[in-house]
PDB file of N, CA and C in Angstrom:
ATOM      1  N   MET A   1     -20.459  -6.253 101.581  1.00  0.00           N
ATOM      2  CA  MET A   1     -20.261  -6.665 100.222  1.00  0.00           C
ATOM      3  C   MET A   1     -20.791  -5.581  99.292  1.00  0.00           C
ATOM      4  N   ARG A   2     -20.194  -5.491  98.099  1.00  0.00           N
ATOM      5  CA  ARG A   2     -20.626  -4.484  97.137  1.00  0.00           C
ATOM      6  C   ARG A   2     -21.232  -5.183  95.937  1.00  0.00           C
ATOM      7  N   ARG A   3     -22.125  -4.494  95.337  1.00  0.00           N
ATOM      8  CA  ARG A   3     -22.736  -5.021  94.135  1.00  0.00           C
ATOM      9  C   ARG A   3     -22.531  -3.997  93.027  1.00  0.00           C
ATOM     10  N   SER A   4     -22.228  -4.483  91.847  1.00  0.00           N
ATOM     11  CA  SER A   4     -21.926  -3.594  90.736  1.00  0.00           C
ATOM     12  C   SER A   4     -23.190  -3.221  89.993  1.00  0.00           C
ATOM     13  N   ARG A   5     -23.264  -1.940  89.663  1.00  0.00           N
ATOM     14  CA  ARG A   5     -24.338  -1.460  88.802  1.00  0.00           C
ATOM     15  C   ARG A   5     -23.671  -0.538  87.791  1.00  0.00           C
ATOM     16  N   GLY A   6     -23.273  -1.081  86.655  1.00  0.00           N
ATOM     17  CA  GLY A   6     -22.556  -0.291  85.668  1.00  0.00           C
ATOM     18  C   GLY A   6     -21.148  -0.003  86.174  1.00  0.00           C
ATOM     19  N   ASN A   7     -20.769   1.266  86.250  1.00  0.00           N
ATOM     20  CA  ASN A   7     -19.464   1.665  86.761  1.00  0.00           C
ATOM     21  C   ASN A   7     -19.519   2.064  88.219  1.00  0.00           C
ATOM     22  N   GLU A   8     -20.716   2.069  88.803  1.00  0.00           N
ATOM     23  CA  GLU A   8     -20.856   2.503  90.188  1.00  0.00           C
ATOM     24  C   GLU A   8     -21.006   1.293  91.094  1.00  0.00           C
ATOM     25  N   TYR A   9     -20.482   1.437  92.279  1.00  0.00           N
ATOM     26  CA  TYR A   9     -20.628   0.400  93.294  1.00  0.00           C
ATOM     27  C   TYR A   9     -21.441   0.985  94.427  1.00  0.00           C
ATOM     28  N   TYR A  10     -22.286   0.181  94.980  1.00  0.00           N
ATOM     29  CA  TYR A  10     -23.034   0.629  96.152  1.00  0.00           C
ATOM     30  C   TYR A  10     -23.021  -0.485  97.181  1.00  0.00           C
ATOM     31  N   ALA A  11     -23.053  -0.114  98.424  1.00  0.00           N
ATOM     32  CA  ALA A  11     -22.981  -1.083  99.510  1.00  0.00           C
ATOM     33  C   ALA A  11     -24.342  -1.739  99.699  1.00  0.00           C
ATOM     34  N   LEU A  12     -24.298  -3.022  99.952  1.00  0.00           N
ATOM     35  CA  LEU A  12     -25.533  -3.738 100.262  1.00  0.00           C
ATOM     36  C   LEU A  12     -25.997  -3.359 101.661  1.00  0.00           C
ATOM     37  N   PRO A  13     -27.266  -3.309 101.920  1.00  0.00           N
ATOM     38  CA  PRO A  13     -27.751  -2.831 103.217  1.00  0.00           C
ATOM     39  C   PRO A  13     -27.456  -3.767 104.375  1.00  0.00           C
ATOM     40  N   ASN A  14     -27.140  -5.033 104.160  1.00  0.00           N
ATOM     41  CA  ASN A  14     -26.947  -5.959 105.273  1.00  0.00           C
ATOM     42  C   ASN A  14     -25.480  -6.221 105.591  1.00  0.00           C
ATOM     43  N   GLN A  15     -24.589  -5.250 105.355  1.00  0.00           N
ATOM     44  CA  GLN A  15     -23.177  -5.429 105.680  1.00  0.00           C
ATOM     45  C   GLN A  15     -22.995  -5.378 107.191  1.00  0.00           C
ATOM     46  N   SER A  16     -22.156  -6.271 107.658  1.00  0.00           N
ATOM     47  CA  SER A  16     -21.867  -6.274 109.090  1.00  0.00           C
ATOM     48  C   SER A  16     -20.595  -5.490 109.367  1.00  0.00           C
ATOM     49  N   ALA A  17     -20.260  -5.343 110.634  1.00  0.00           N
ATOM     50  CA  ALA A  17     -19.069  -4.582 111.030  1.00  0.00           C
ATOM     51  C   ALA A  17     -17.799  -5.265 110.576  1.00  0.00           C
ATOM     52  N   SER A  18     -17.776  -6.594 110.586  1.00  0.00           N
ATOM     53  CA  SER A  18     -16.559  -7.306 110.154  1.00  0.00           C
ATOM     54  C   SER A  18     -16.336  -7.116 108.657  1.00  0.00           C
ATOM     55  N   GLU A  19     -17.412  -7.073 107.883  1.00  0.00           N
ATOM     56  CA  GLU A  19     -17.255  -6.828 106.454  1.00  0.00           C
ATOM     57  C   GLU A  19     -16.765  -5.406 106.195  1.00  0.00           C
ATOM     58  N   ASN A  20     -17.234  -4.439 106.972  1.00  0.00           N
ATOM     59  CA  ASN A  20     -16.739  -3.065 106.849  1.00  0.00           C
ATOM     60  C   ASN A  20     -15.267  -2.978 107.203  1.00  0.00           C
ATOM     61  N   LEU A  21     -14.873  -3.740 108.242  1.00  0.00           N
ATOM     62  CA  LEU A  21     -13.467  -3.762 108.650  1.00  0.00           C
ATOM     63  C   LEU A  21     -12.609  -4.367 107.541  1.00  0.00           C
ATOM     64  N   LEU A  22     -13.079  -5.458 106.948  1.00  0.00           N
ATOM     65  CA  LEU A  22     -12.338  -6.073 105.846  1.00  0.00           C
ATOM     66  C   LEU A  22     -12.225  -5.120 104.656  1.00  0.00           C
ATOM     67  N   GLU A  23     -13.309  -4.407 104.382  1.00  0.00           N
ATOM     68  CA  GLU A  23     -13.298  -3.451 103.276  1.00  0.00           C
ATOM     69  C   GLU A  23     -12.299  -2.331 103.523  1.00  0.00           C
ATOM     70  N   SER A  24     -12.229  -1.824 104.729  1.00  0.00           N
ATOM     71  CA  SER A  24     -11.271  -0.758 105.030  1.00  0.00           C
ATOM     72  C   SER A  24      -9.843  -1.280 104.988  1.00  0.00           C
ATOM     73  N   GLU A  25      -9.616  -2.513 105.426  1.00  0.00           N
ATOM     74  CA  GLU A  25      -8.281  -3.113 105.329  1.00  0.00           C
ATOM     75  C   GLU A  25      -7.890  -3.281 103.862  1.00  0.00           C
ATOM     76  N   ASN A  26      -8.841  -3.690 103.046  1.00  0.00           N
ATOM     77  CA  ASN A  26      -8.559  -3.825 101.608  1.00  0.00           C
ATOM     78  C   ASN A  26      -8.178  -2.485 100.996  1.00  0.00           C
ATOM     79  N   GLU A  27      -8.856  -1.433 101.376  1.00  0.00           N
ATOM     80  CA  GLU A  27      -8.538  -0.109 100.853  1.00  0.00           C
ATOM     81  C   GLU A  27      -7.152   0.349 101.294  1.00  0.00           C
ATOM     82  N   VAL A  28      -6.803   0.066 102.555  1.00  0.00           N
ATOM     83  CA  VAL A  28      -5.462   0.411 103.051  1.00  0.00           C
ATOM     84  C   VAL A  28      -4.402  -0.368 102.284  1.00  0.00           C
ATOM     85  N   MET A  29      -4.646  -1.651 102.073  1.00  0.00           N
ATOM     86  CA  MET A  29      -3.685  -2.474 101.344  1.00  0.00           C
ATOM     87  C   MET A  29      -3.577  -2.027  99.883  1.00  0.00           C
ATOM     88  N   THR A  30      -4.692  -1.587  99.311  1.00  0.00           N
ATOM     89  CA  THR A  30      -4.674  -1.069  97.946  1.00  0.00           C
ATOM     90  C   THR A  30      -3.829   0.198  97.860  1.00  0.00           C
ATOM     91  N   ASP A  31      -3.971   1.076  98.829  1.00  0.00           N
ATOM     92  CA  ASP A  31      -3.162   2.299  98.841  1.00  0.00           C
ATOM     93  C   ASP A  31      -1.673   1.973  98.996  1.00  0.00           C
ATOM     94  N   GLU A  32      -1.359   1.004  99.868  1.00  0.00           N
ATOM     95  CA  GLU A  32       0.045   0.603 100.032  1.00  0.00           C
ATOM     96  C   GLU A  32       0.586   0.020  98.732  1.00  0.00           C
ATOM     97  N   LEU A  33      -0.241  -0.780  98.055  1.00  0.00           N
ATOM     98  CA  LEU A  33       0.179  -1.367  96.787  1.00  0.00           C
ATOM     99  C   LEU A  33       0.413  -0.279  95.734  1.00  0.00           C
ATOM    100  N   LYS A  34      -0.434   0.740  95.704  1.00  0.00           N
ATOM    101  CA  LYS A  34      -0.231   1.862  94.778  1.00  0.00           C
ATOM    102  C   LYS A  34       1.085   2.569  95.061  1.00  0.00           C
ATOM    103  N   ASP A  35       1.412   2.767  96.346  1.00  0.00           N
ATOM    104  CA  ASP A  35       2.683   3.415  96.697  1.00  0.00           C
ATOM    105  C   ASP A  35       3.872   2.571  96.248  1.00  0.00           C
ATOM    106  N   LYS A  36       3.778   1.252  96.439  1.00  0.00           N
ATOM    107  CA  LYS A  36       4.876   0.372  96.017  1.00  0.00           C
ATOM    108  C   LYS A  36       5.029   0.370  94.504  1.00  0.00           C
ATOM    109  N   ILE A  37       3.904   0.382  93.801  1.00  0.00           N
ATOM    110  CA  ILE A  37       3.967   0.417  92.338  1.00  0.00           C
ATOM    111  C   ILE A  37       4.589   1.719  91.862  1.00  0.00           C
ATOM    112  N   HIS A  38       4.247   2.823  92.507  1.00  0.00           N
ATOM    113  CA  HIS A  38       4.837   4.121  92.148  1.00  0.00           C
ATOM    114  C   HIS A  38       6.343   4.108  92.400  1.00  0.00           C
ATOM    115  N   ALA A  39       6.776   3.510  93.523  1.00  0.00           N
ATOM    116  CA  ALA A  39       8.211   3.433  93.826  1.00  0.00           C
ATOM    117  C   ALA A  39       8.930   2.577  92.788  1.00  0.00           C
ATOM    118  N   LEU A  40       8.323   1.448  92.402  1.00  0.00           N
ATOM    119  CA  LEU A  40       8.942   0.587  91.391  1.00  0.00           C
ATOM    120  C   LEU A  40       9.017   1.286  90.033  1.00  0.00           C
ATOM    121  N   LYS A  41       7.995   2.055  89.704  1.00  0.00           N
ATOM    122  CA  LYS A  41       8.005   2.776  88.439  1.00  0.00           C
ATOM    123  C   LYS A  41       9.131   3.798  88.407  1.00  0.00           C
ATOM    124  N   SER A  42       9.259   4.577  89.479  1.00  0.00           N
ATOM    125  CA  SER A  42      10.327   5.581  89.499  1.00  0.00           C
ATOM    126  C   SER A  42      11.705   4.918  89.507  1.00  0.00           C
ATOM    127  N   LEU A  43      11.822   3.767  90.187  1.00  0.00           N
ATOM    128  CA  LEU A  43      13.091   3.046  90.199  1.00  0.00           C
ATOM    129  C   LEU A  43      13.432   2.521  88.811  1.00  0.00           C
ATOM    130  N   SER A  44      12.442   1.991  88.097  1.00  0.00           N
ATOM    131  CA  SER A  44      12.720   1.483  86.753  1.00  0.00           C
ATOM    132  C   SER A  44      13.069   2.621  85.800  1.00  0.00           C
ATOM    133  N   ILE A  45      12.470   3.785  85.973  1.00  0.00           N
ATOM    134  CA  ILE A  45      12.837   4.939  85.142  1.00  0.00           C
ATOM    135  C   ILE A  45      14.272   5.358  85.434  1.00  0.00           C
ATOM    136  N   ASP A  46      14.665   5.373  86.710  1.00  0.00           N
ATOM    137  CA  ASP A  46      16.048   5.717  87.067  1.00  0.00           C
ATOM    138  C   ASP A  46      17.033   4.709  86.501  1.00  0.00           C
ATOM    139  N   ILE A  47      16.667   3.427  86.546  1.00  0.00           N
ATOM    140  CA  ILE A  47      17.543   2.397  85.992  1.00  0.00           C
ATOM    141  C   ILE A  47      17.693   2.599  84.485  1.00  0.00           C
ATOM    142  N   GLY A  48      16.605   2.907  83.804  1.00  0.00           N
ATOM    143  CA  GLY A  48      16.670   3.157  82.359  1.00  0.00           C
ATOM    144  C   GLY A  48      17.570   4.330  82.021  1.00  0.00           C
ATOM    145  N   MET A  49      17.478   5.401  82.810  1.00  0.00           N
ATOM    146  CA  MET A  49      18.335   6.566  82.571  1.00  0.00           C
ATOM    147  C   MET A  49      19.798   6.219  82.806  1.00  0.00           C
ATOM    148  N   GLU A  50      20.083   5.420  83.840  1.00  0.00           N
ATOM    149  CA  GLU A  50      21.461   5.020  84.129  1.00  0.00           C
ATOM    150  C   GLU A  50      22.009   4.136  83.013  1.00  0.00           C
ATOM    151  N   VAL A  51      21.181   3.241  82.487  1.00  0.00           N
ATOM    152  CA  VAL A  51      21.617   2.377  81.388  1.00  0.00           C
ATOM    153  C   VAL A  51      21.953   3.214  80.158  1.00  0.00           C
ATOM    154  N   LYS A  52      21.139   4.211  79.848  1.00  0.00           N
ATOM    155  CA  LYS A  52      21.426   5.079  78.707  1.00  0.00           C
ATOM    156  C   LYS A  52      22.731   5.835  78.909  1.00  0.00           C
ATOM    157  N   TYR A  53      22.967   6.317  80.130  1.00  0.00           N
ATOM    158  CA  TYR A  53      24.206   7.045  80.427  1.00  0.00           C
ATOM    159  C   TYR A  53      25.418   6.122  80.282  1.00  0.00           C
ATOM    160  N   GLN A  54      25.324   4.904  80.839  1.00  0.00           N
ATOM    161  CA  GLN A  54      26.442   3.962  80.745  1.00  0.00           C
ATOM    162  C   GLN A  54      26.687   3.550  79.297  1.00  0.00           C
ATOM    163  N   ASP A  55      25.622   3.408  78.507  1.00  0.00           N
ATOM    164  CA  ASP A  55      25.774   3.062  77.096  1.00  0.00           C
ATOM    165  C   ASP A  55      26.510   4.166  76.349  1.00  0.00           C
ATOM    166  N   LYS A  56      26.200   5.418  76.678  1.00  0.00           N
ATOM    167  CA  LYS A  56      26.888   6.551  76.048  1.00  0.00           C
ATOM    168  C   LYS A  56      28.370   6.538  76.401  1.00  0.00           C
ATOM    169  N   ILE A  57      28.688   6.259  77.655  1.00  0.00           N
ATOM    170  CA  ILE A  57      30.096   6.204  78.077  1.00  0.00           C
ATOM    171  C   ILE A  57      30.828   5.091  77.340  1.00  0.00           C
ATOM    172  N   ILE A  58      30.193   3.923  77.217  1.00  0.00           N
ATOM    173  CA  ILE A  58      30.837   2.794  76.534  1.00  0.00           C
ATOM    174  C   ILE A  58      31.062   3.119  75.060  1.00  0.00           C
ATOM    175  N   ARG A  59      30.103   3.767  74.421  1.00  0.00           N
ATOM    176  CA  ARG A  59      30.286   4.135  73.011  1.00  0.00           C
ATOM    177  C   ARG A  59      31.414   5.150  72.857  1.00  0.00           C
ATOM    178  N   ASP A  60      31.512   6.098  73.778  1.00  0.00           N
ATOM    179  CA  ASP A  60      32.610   7.068  73.720  1.00  0.00           C
ATOM    180  C   ASP A  60      33.954   6.372  73.898  1.00  0.00           C
ATOM    181  N   LEU A  61      34.026   5.412  74.831  1.00  0.00           N
ATOM    182  CA  LEU A  61      35.271   4.661  75.020  1.00  0.00           C
ATOM    183  C   LEU A  61      35.624   3.864  73.770  1.00  0.00           C
ATOM    184  N   ASP A  62      34.618   3.270  73.148  1.00  0.00           N
ATOM    185  CA  ASP A  62      34.863   2.512  71.924  1.00  0.00           C
ATOM    186  C   ASP A  62      35.429   3.411  70.832  1.00  0.00           C
ATOM    187  N   ASP A  63      34.864   4.607  70.698  1.00  0.00           N
ATOM    188  CA  ASP A  63      35.387   5.556  69.711  1.00  0.00           C
ATOM    189  C   ASP A  63      36.824   5.962  70.034  1.00  0.00           C
ATOM    190  N   ASP A  64      37.118   6.182  71.324  1.00  0.00           N
ATOM    191  CA  ASP A  64      38.483   6.541  71.718  1.00  0.00           C
ATOM    192  C   ASP A  64      39.461   5.414  71.413  1.00  0.00           C
ATOM    193  N   PHE A  65      39.046   4.158  71.676  1.00  0.00           N
ATOM    194  CA  PHE A  65      39.933   3.029  71.389  1.00  0.00           C
ATOM    195  C   PHE A  65      40.170   2.880  69.890  1.00  0.00           C
ATOM    196  N   GLU A  66      39.134   3.108  69.094  1.00  0.00           N
ATOM    197  CA  GLU A  66      39.316   3.042  67.646  1.00  0.00           C
ATOM    198  C   GLU A  66      40.289   4.117  67.174  1.00  0.00           C
ATOM    199  N   HIS A  67      40.170   5.324  67.720  1.00  0.00           N
ATOM    200  CA  HIS A  67      41.076   6.414  67.350  1.00  0.00           C
ATOM    201  C   HIS A  67      42.505   6.072  67.756  1.00  0.00           C
ATOM    202  N   THR A  68      42.669   5.547  68.970  1.00  0.00           N
ATOM    203  CA  THR A  68      44.003   5.187  69.451  1.00  0.00           C
ATOM    204  C   THR A  68      44.589   4.057  68.632  1.00  0.00           C
ATOM    205  N   GLY A  69      43.749   3.084  68.260  1.00  0.00           N
ATOM    206  CA  GLY A  69      44.237   1.978  67.432  1.00  0.00           C
ATOM    207  C   GLY A  69      44.730   2.468  66.085  1.00  0.00           C
ATOM    208  N   GLY A  70      44.008   3.399  65.485  1.00  0.00           N
ATOM    209  CA  GLY A  70      44.451   3.966  64.208  1.00  0.00           C
ATOM    210  C   GLY A  70      45.746   4.736  64.358  1.00  0.00           C
ATOM    211  N   PHE A  71      45.866   5.479  65.455  1.00  0.00           N
ATOM    212  CA  PHE A  71      47.087   6.243  65.712  1.00  0.00           C
ATOM    213  C   PHE A  71      48.281   5.309  65.906  1.00  0.00           C
ATOM    214  N   LEU A  72      48.092   4.232  66.681  1.00  0.00           N
ATOM    215  CA  LEU A  72      49.186   3.276  66.892  1.00  0.00           C
ATOM    216  C   LEU A  72      49.550   2.556  65.598  1.00  0.00           C
ATOM    217  N   GLY A  73      48.545   2.245  64.790  1.00  0.00           N
ATOM    218  CA  GLY A  73      48.827   1.584  63.511  1.00  0.00           C
ATOM    219  C   GLY A  73      49.669   2.453  62.595  1.00  0.00           C
ATOM    220  N   SER A  74      49.328   3.741  62.533  1.00  0.00           N
ATOM    221  CA  SER A  74      50.118   4.625  61.669  1.00  0.00           C
ATOM    222  C   SER A  74      51.530   4.828  62.232  1.00  0.00           C
ATOM    223  N   THR A  75      51.656   4.901  63.551  1.00  0.00           N
ATOM    224  CA  THR A  75      52.984   5.046  64.160  1.00  0.00           C
ATOM    225  C   THR A  75      53.836   3.814  63.910  1.00  0.00           C
ATOM    226  N   LEU A  76      53.223   2.637  64.035  1.00  0.00           N
ATOM    227  CA  LEU A  76      53.958   1.400  63.792  1.00  0.00           C
ATOM    228  C   LEU A  76      54.401   1.300  62.343  1.00  0.00           C
ATOM    229  N   SER A  77      53.557   1.731  61.431  1.00  0.00           N
ATOM    230  CA  SER A  77      53.964   1.698  60.017  1.00  0.00           C
ATOM    231  C   SER A  77      55.127   2.654  59.755  1.00  0.00           C
ATOM    232  N   ARG A  78      55.142   3.803  60.419  1.00  0.00           N
ATOM    233  CA  ARG A  78      56.279   4.728  60.280  1.00  0.00           C
ATOM    234  C   ARG A  78      57.559   4.124  60.828  1.00  0.00           C
ATOM    235  N   VAL A  79      57.451   3.450  61.991  1.00  0.00           N
ATOM    236  CA  VAL A  79      58.641   2.824  62.590  1.00  0.00           C
ATOM    237  C   VAL A  79      59.161   1.718  61.682  1.00  0.00           C
ATOM    238  N   LEU A  80      58.265   0.921  61.124  1.00  0.00           N
ATOM    239  CA  LEU A  80      58.699  -0.144  60.221  1.00  0.00           C
ATOM    240  C   LEU A  80      59.344   0.434  58.958  1.00  0.00           C
ATOM    241  N   ARG A  81      58.774   1.513  58.452  1.00  0.00           N
ATOM    242  CA  ARG A  81      59.356   2.173  57.279  1.00  0.00           C
ATOM    243  C   ARG A  81      60.754   2.706  57.614  1.00  0.00           C
ATOM    244  N   LEU A  82      60.921   3.252  58.819  1.00  0.00           N
ATOM    245  CA  LEU A  82      62.224   3.755  59.236  1.00  0.00           C
ATOM    246  C   LEU A  82      63.221   2.611  59.392  1.00  0.00           C
ATOM    247  N   GLY A  83      62.739   1.466  59.927  1.00  0.00           N
ATOM    248  CA  GLY A  83      63.623   0.313  60.101  1.00  0.00           C
ATOM    249  C   GLY A  83      64.053  -0.301  58.789  1.00  0.00           C
ATOM    250  N   LYS A  84      63.249  -0.170  57.756  1.00  0.00           N
ATOM    251  CA  LYS A  84      63.596  -0.735  56.453  1.00  0.00           C
ATOM    252  C   LYS A  84      64.566   0.143  55.673  1.00  0.00           C
ATOM    253  N   GLY A  85      64.812   1.321  56.204  1.00  0.00           N
ATOM    254  CA  GLY A  85      65.737   2.237  55.530  1.00  0.00           C
ATOM    255  C   GLY A  85      67.161   1.705  55.584  1.00  0.00           C
ATOM    256  N   GLY A  86      68.056   2.377  54.881  1.00  0.00           N
ATOM    257  CA  GLY A  86      69.438   1.939  54.781  1.00  0.00           C
ATOM    258  C   GLY A  86      70.261   2.226  56.028  1.00  0.00           C
ATOM    259  N   HIS A  87      69.732   2.916  57.006  1.00  0.00           N
ATOM    260  CA  HIS A  87      70.484   3.272  58.199  1.00  0.00           C
ATOM    261  C   HIS A  87      70.159   2.294  59.326  1.00  0.00           C
ATOM    262  N   ASN A  88      70.845   1.176  59.332  1.00  0.00           N
ATOM    263  CA  ASN A  88      70.617   0.164  60.363  1.00  0.00           C
ATOM    264  C   ASN A  88      71.396   0.472  61.642  1.00  0.00           C
ATOM    265  N   TYR A  89      72.180   1.546  61.622  1.00  0.00           N
ATOM    266  CA  TYR A  89      72.950   1.896  62.810  1.00  0.00           C
ATOM    267  C   TYR A  89      72.077   2.517  63.895  1.00  0.00           C
ATOM    268  N   TYR A  90      70.827   2.879  63.573  1.00  0.00           N
ATOM    269  CA  TYR A  90      69.932   3.450  64.582  1.00  0.00           C
ATOM    270  C   TYR A  90      69.689   2.479  65.733  1.00  0.00           C
ATOM    271  N   ILE A  91      69.554   1.214  65.409  1.00  0.00           N
ATOM    272  CA  ILE A  91      69.325   0.205  66.454  1.00  0.00           C
ATOM    273  C   ILE A  91      70.570   0.094  67.329  1.00  0.00           C
ATOM    274  N   LEU A  92      71.734   0.115  66.713  1.00  0.00           N
ATOM    275  CA  LEU A  92      72.983   0.047  67.489  1.00  0.00           C
ATOM    276  C   LEU A  92      73.111   1.268  68.389  1.00  0.00           C
ATOM    277  N   TYR A  93      72.804   2.449  67.877  1.00  0.00           N
ATOM    278  CA  TYR A  93      72.867   3.665  68.699  1.00  0.00           C
ATOM    279  C   TYR A  93      71.868   3.604  69.852  1.00  0.00           C
ATOM    280  N   MET A  94      70.682   3.074  69.595  1.00  0.00           N
ATOM    281  CA  MET A  94      69.678   2.981  70.646  1.00  0.00           C
ATOM    282  C   MET A  94      70.118   2.001  71.731  1.00  0.00           C
ATOM    283  N   ILE A  95      70.717   0.893  71.353  1.00  0.00           N
ATOM    284  CA  ILE A  95      71.192  -0.085  72.343  1.00  0.00           C
ATOM    285  C   ILE A  95      72.333   0.510  73.158  1.00  0.00           C
ATOM    286  N   LEU A  96      73.277   1.195  72.497  1.00  0.00           N
ATOM    287  CA  LEU A  96      74.389   1.812  73.228  1.00  0.00           C
ATOM    288  C   LEU A  96      73.885   2.899  74.179  1.00  0.00           C
ATOM    289  N   PHE A  97      72.929   3.697  73.745  1.00  0.00           N
ATOM    290  CA  PHE A  97      72.375   4.735  74.606  1.00  0.00           C
ATOM    291  C   PHE A  97      71.688   4.126  75.819  1.00  0.00           C
ATOM    292  N   SER A  98      70.899   3.068  75.620  1.00  0.00           N
ATOM    293  CA  SER A  98      70.221   2.440  76.756  1.00  0.00           C
ATOM    294  C   SER A  98      71.224   1.817  77.717  1.00  0.00           C
ATOM    295  N   LEU A  99      72.320   1.211  77.208  1.00  0.00           N
ATOM    296  CA  LEU A  99      73.368   0.670  78.092  1.00  0.00           C
ATOM    297  C   LEU A  99      74.042   1.785  78.887  1.00  0.00           C
ATOM    298  N   PHE A 100      74.279   2.916  78.255  1.00  0.00           N
ATOM    299  CA  PHE A 100      74.880   4.046  78.939  1.00  0.00           C
ATOM    300  C   PHE A 100      73.966   4.551  80.059  1.00  0.00           C
ATOM    301  N   VAL A 101      72.670   4.676  79.771  1.00  0.00           N
ATOM    302  CA  VAL A 101      71.721   5.142  80.787  1.00  0.00           C
ATOM    303  C   VAL A 101      71.672   4.161  81.955  1.00  0.00           C
ATOM    304  N   PHE A 102      71.611   2.859  81.665  1.00  0.00           N
ATOM    305  CA  PHE A 102      71.592   1.868  82.745  1.00  0.00           C
ATOM    306  C   PHE A 102      72.879   1.901  83.565  1.00  0.00           C
ATOM    307  N   ALA A 103      74.026   2.127  82.912  1.00  0.00           N
ATOM    308  CA  ALA A 103      75.293   2.183  83.642  1.00  0.00           C
ATOM    309  C   ALA A 103      75.320   3.404  84.562  1.00  0.00           C
ATOM    310  N   VAL A 104      74.855   4.546  84.075  1.00  0.00           N
ATOM    311  CA  VAL A 104      74.819   5.753  84.907  1.00  0.00           C
ATOM    312  C   VAL A 104      73.880   5.542  86.093  1.00  0.00           C
ATOM    313  N   LEU A 105      72.715   4.972  85.842  1.00  0.00           N
ATOM    314  CA  LEU A 105      71.783   4.709  86.945  1.00  0.00           C
ATOM    315  C   LEU A 105      72.362   3.730  87.954  1.00  0.00           C
ATOM    316  N   TRP A 106      73.084   2.724  87.477  1.00  0.00           N
ATOM    317  CA  TRP A 106      73.681   1.743  88.393  1.00  0.00           C
ATOM    318  C   TRP A 106      74.740   2.418  89.274  1.00  0.00           C
ATOM    319  N   PHE A 107      75.581   3.288  88.678  1.00  0.00           N
ATOM    320  CA  PHE A 107      76.584   3.997  89.474  1.00  0.00           C
ATOM    321  C   PHE A 107      75.931   4.920  90.485  1.00  0.00           C
ATOM    322  N   VAL A 108      74.876   5.601  90.101  1.00  0.00           N
ATOM    323  CA  VAL A 108      74.199   6.519  91.014  1.00  0.00           C
ATOM    324  C   VAL A 108      73.588   5.727  92.182  1.00  0.00           C
ATOM    325  N   ILE A 109      72.974   4.638  91.898  1.00  0.00           N
ATOM    326  CA  ILE A 109      72.343   3.839  92.965  1.00  0.00           C
ATOM    327  C   ILE A 109      73.407   3.160  93.830  1.00  0.00           C
ATOM    328  N   LYS A 110      74.445   2.651  93.223  1.00  0.00           N
ATOM    329  CA  LYS A 110      75.486   1.899  93.942  1.00  0.00           C
ATOM    330  C   LYS A 110      76.289   2.809  94.869  1.00  0.00           C
ATOM    331  N   PHE A 111      76.705   3.974  94.432  1.00  0.00           N
ATOM    332  CA  PHE A 111      77.597   4.824  95.203  1.00  0.00           C
ATOM    333  C   PHE A 111      76.876   5.995  95.882  1.00  0.00           C
ATOM    334  N   ARG A 112      75.645   5.911  96.023  1.00  0.00           N
ATOM    335  CA  ARG A 112      74.885   6.975  96.672  1.00  0.00           C
ATOM    336  C   ARG A 112      74.927   6.901  98.135  1.00  0.00           C
TER     337      ARG A 112
END
């Protein structure tokens, strides 16, 4: 057994061998606990770094989606402006062109 005197510890003179054995086991267990705490600390630091990295990636993706949304919005407004124009034959030309492409593809697949 140990007795405290300020910040220093000293062994009592009547310690038996079993108490010495228990004391050495306690010291071994303390060292193992220190190693586990060090491993947990380094693991938590790694997790924190990974979270910061993933947060940066998510923010970059959010910025890219906002940019793409703005680009699509402006493109859609241009298409709507074009559709409101006096040339409504563009839709007819687009439908005829798509029918022609499908007919050519059907002939190629059918008679190949």
